[in-house]
Amino acid sequence: MERISWNQYFMAQSHLLSLRSTCTRLMVGATIVRDKRIIAGGYNGSVSGSVHCIDEGCYVVDGHCVRTIHAEANALLQCAKFGVPTENADIYVTHFPCLQCCKQLIQAGINTVYYAEDYHNNDYAIELFAEAGVITKKVELDYLTVDTNYLEKQHYIQNLIQKLENEEIDLNELQKWKNKAFDLFNLR
């Protein structure tokens, strides 16, 4: 039996952390690793004890949810809170870090940023990472132990059952449902 690779293992951990996210705009998870050991994890959510986006909606200013602390920042803050050094550590993030997180990761001494998905990759962040010698590597999660689309699949199946019960499906709509099922369940 072949074991899951380290990159897939840590990226799966980040995807699992993202499922704790309380921001409805984007679920992000981050795992900080040193010497193949997890030293911290974070997800995007509100300040401890404060209102969450899932409760009252996002608080958006200039296109950004200001209620949310990003996953990378939460992971770094966890290290700071418990006195765990981040120098020469790596981070696995579900999405490419924003400019502010980029700067924080550089200042924290992170060596490599592994990310699963591109997300508004900021040119200046890319430049800063290169200037600081921080390596960025895309590592898409391809291991099937973590299903990050489970809620979407559940919603899809509920709608499909309801439509079939009502028998209101024309051929064009049926083809759309088939295509969506193929995409969600990787049937292509």
Foldseek 3Di string as FASTA:
>chain_A
DDDDDLLLVQLLVFLVQLVVEQAPPGRKKKFKFDPSHTDFIFIKWADPPDDTCNRPHFDDDPRDRPRIDHGLRVRVVVCVVVVNQRAAIAMEMQEDDDQVSLVVCLVSNHAEYEYAYYDPPDPVSVVVCVVSNRHYHYDHNDDPPDQSCVVVVVVLVVVVVVCVVVVPDDPVNVVVSVVVVCVNVVVD
